[in-house]
Amino acid sequence: MKAKKAKLVVVDTPEFRSEAEEAEWWDRHQDLIADLLLKHGRRGAVPTKNISVRLPVTDIERARKLAEKRGVGYQTVIKTLLHEALKRESKIA
C-alpha cells in the first residue's frame, strides 16, 4: 500500500520586519488558516490539556520579556520552548 503524499500549500505572505509584525499578520488572517486546515483534511489543532506548573518567578519574567520582543503571549513562549526541548531530547534518548 502506497503512502499518500501531502500537498504543499503555499501561502503568499509579505516580508515581515519583526516577529511581532508577523504575529499580527497571522492573527488578522486566522480565517485563512482555518480554511486551509479544513480544505486539506485537518479538522482541528493538536489536542491539548490544561495543567498547572509551578515555575520560578525569574523564569516567568524572562518568558514575559521574550514574549514582548516577539509580540506573543508569555505562555506561548513557554509552550514553544517546552515543545522544542521535548523534541530535541526525544532525538537524543
Protein backbone atom coordinates (compact mmCIF):
# COMPACT_ATOMS: atom_id res chain seq x y z
CA MET A 1 0.00 0.00 0.00
CA LYS A 2 1.44 3.38 -1.03
CA ALA A 3 1.51 6.27 1.39
CA LYS A 4 -0.30 9.38 0.24
CA LYS A 5 1.90 12.38 -0.41
CA ALA A 6 0.80 15.54 1.32
CA LYS A 7 0.16 18.51 -0.95
CA LEU A 8 2.31 21.51 -0.25
CA VAL A 9 0.15 24.56 0.37
CA VAL A 10 1.85 27.88 -0.26
CA VAL A 11 0.51 30.97 1.45
CA ASP A 12 1.57 34.26 -0.09
CA THR A 13 2.84 36.17 2.93
CA PRO A 14 4.53 39.57 2.93
CA GLU A 15 8.06 40.23 4.18
CA PHE A 16 7.96 40.98 7.91
CA ARG A 17 10.23 43.42 9.74
CA SER A 18 9.77 41.71 13.11
CA GLU A 19 8.22 38.69 14.78
CA ALA A 20 5.61 41.00 16.28
CA GLU A 21 4.59 42.19 12.80
CA GLU A 22 4.39 38.59 11.58
CA ALA A 23 2.34 37.52 14.61
CA GLU A 24 -0.07 40.40 13.99
CA TRP A 25 -0.43 39.41 10.30
CA TRP A 26 -1.23 35.78 11.15
CA ASP A 27 -3.63 36.94 13.87
CA ARG A 28 -5.53 39.06 11.30
CA HIS A 29 -5.64 36.12 8.85
CA GLN A 30 -6.94 33.37 11.14
CA ASP A 31 -9.81 32.71 8.74
CA LEU A 32 -7.27 31.86 6.01
CA ILE A 33 -5.56 29.37 8.28
CA ALA A 34 -8.85 27.77 9.32
CA ASP A 35 -9.98 27.48 5.68
CA LEU A 36 -6.70 25.86 4.65
CA LEU A 37 -6.82 23.39 7.53
CA LEU A 38 -10.39 22.38 6.69
CA LYS A 39 -9.74 22.18 2.95
CA HIS A 40 -6.71 19.94 3.37
CA GLY A 41 -8.25 17.48 5.80
CA ARG A 42 -7.11 18.66 9.18
CA ARG A 43 -10.20 19.15 11.32
CA GLY A 44 -8.60 20.86 14.27
CA ALA A 45 -5.46 21.59 16.17
CA VAL A 46 -3.45 19.07 18.14
CA PRO A 47 -5.40 18.12 21.27
CA THR A 48 -4.28 19.97 24.38
CA LYS A 49 -4.83 19.63 28.10
CA ASN A 50 -4.70 22.31 30.77
CA ILE A 51 -2.15 21.71 33.52
CA SER A 52 -0.66 23.68 36.39
CA VAL A 53 3.09 24.02 36.70
CA ARG A 54 5.00 25.95 39.32
CA LEU A 55 7.86 27.92 37.77
CA PRO A 56 10.41 30.22 39.33
CA VAL A 57 9.29 33.85 39.15
CA THR A 58 12.56 34.73 37.40
CA ASP A 59 11.78 32.25 34.59
CA ILE A 60 8.31 33.71 34.14
CA GLU A 61 9.76 37.23 33.95
CA ARG A 62 12.31 36.09 31.35
CA ALA A 63 9.49 34.50 29.34
CA ARG A 64 7.47 37.74 29.56
CA LYS A 65 10.42 39.77 28.21
CA LEU A 66 10.95 37.31 25.35
CA ALA A 67 7.24 37.34 24.60
CA GLU A 68 7.16 41.12 24.46
CA LYS A 69 10.03 41.15 21.94
CA ARG A 70 8.28 38.51 19.83
CA GLY A 71 4.84 40.08 20.09
CA VAL A 72 3.20 36.99 21.55
CA GLY A 73 1.95 35.88 24.96
CA TYR A 74 4.39 34.60 27.56
CA GLN A 75 2.54 31.29 27.86
CA THR A 76 3.02 30.79 24.12
CA VAL A 77 6.76 31.34 24.57
CA ILE A 78 6.90 28.83 27.43
CA LYS A 79 4.85 26.28 25.48
CA THR A 80 7.02 26.69 22.38
CA LEU A 81 10.27 26.35 24.31
CA LEU A 82 8.99 23.28 26.12
CA HIS A 83 7.84 21.70 22.86
CA GLU A 84 11.23 22.36 21.21
CA ALA A 85 13.13 20.96 24.20
CA LEU A 86 11.00 17.81 24.29
CA LYS A 87 11.53 17.25 20.56
CA ARG A 88 15.29 17.75 20.95
CA GLU A 89 15.51 15.43 23.96
CA SER A 90 13.43 12.75 22.23
CA LYS A 91 16.03 12.59 19.44
CA ILE A 92 18.82 12.09 21.98
CA ALA A 93 17.11 9.40 24.06
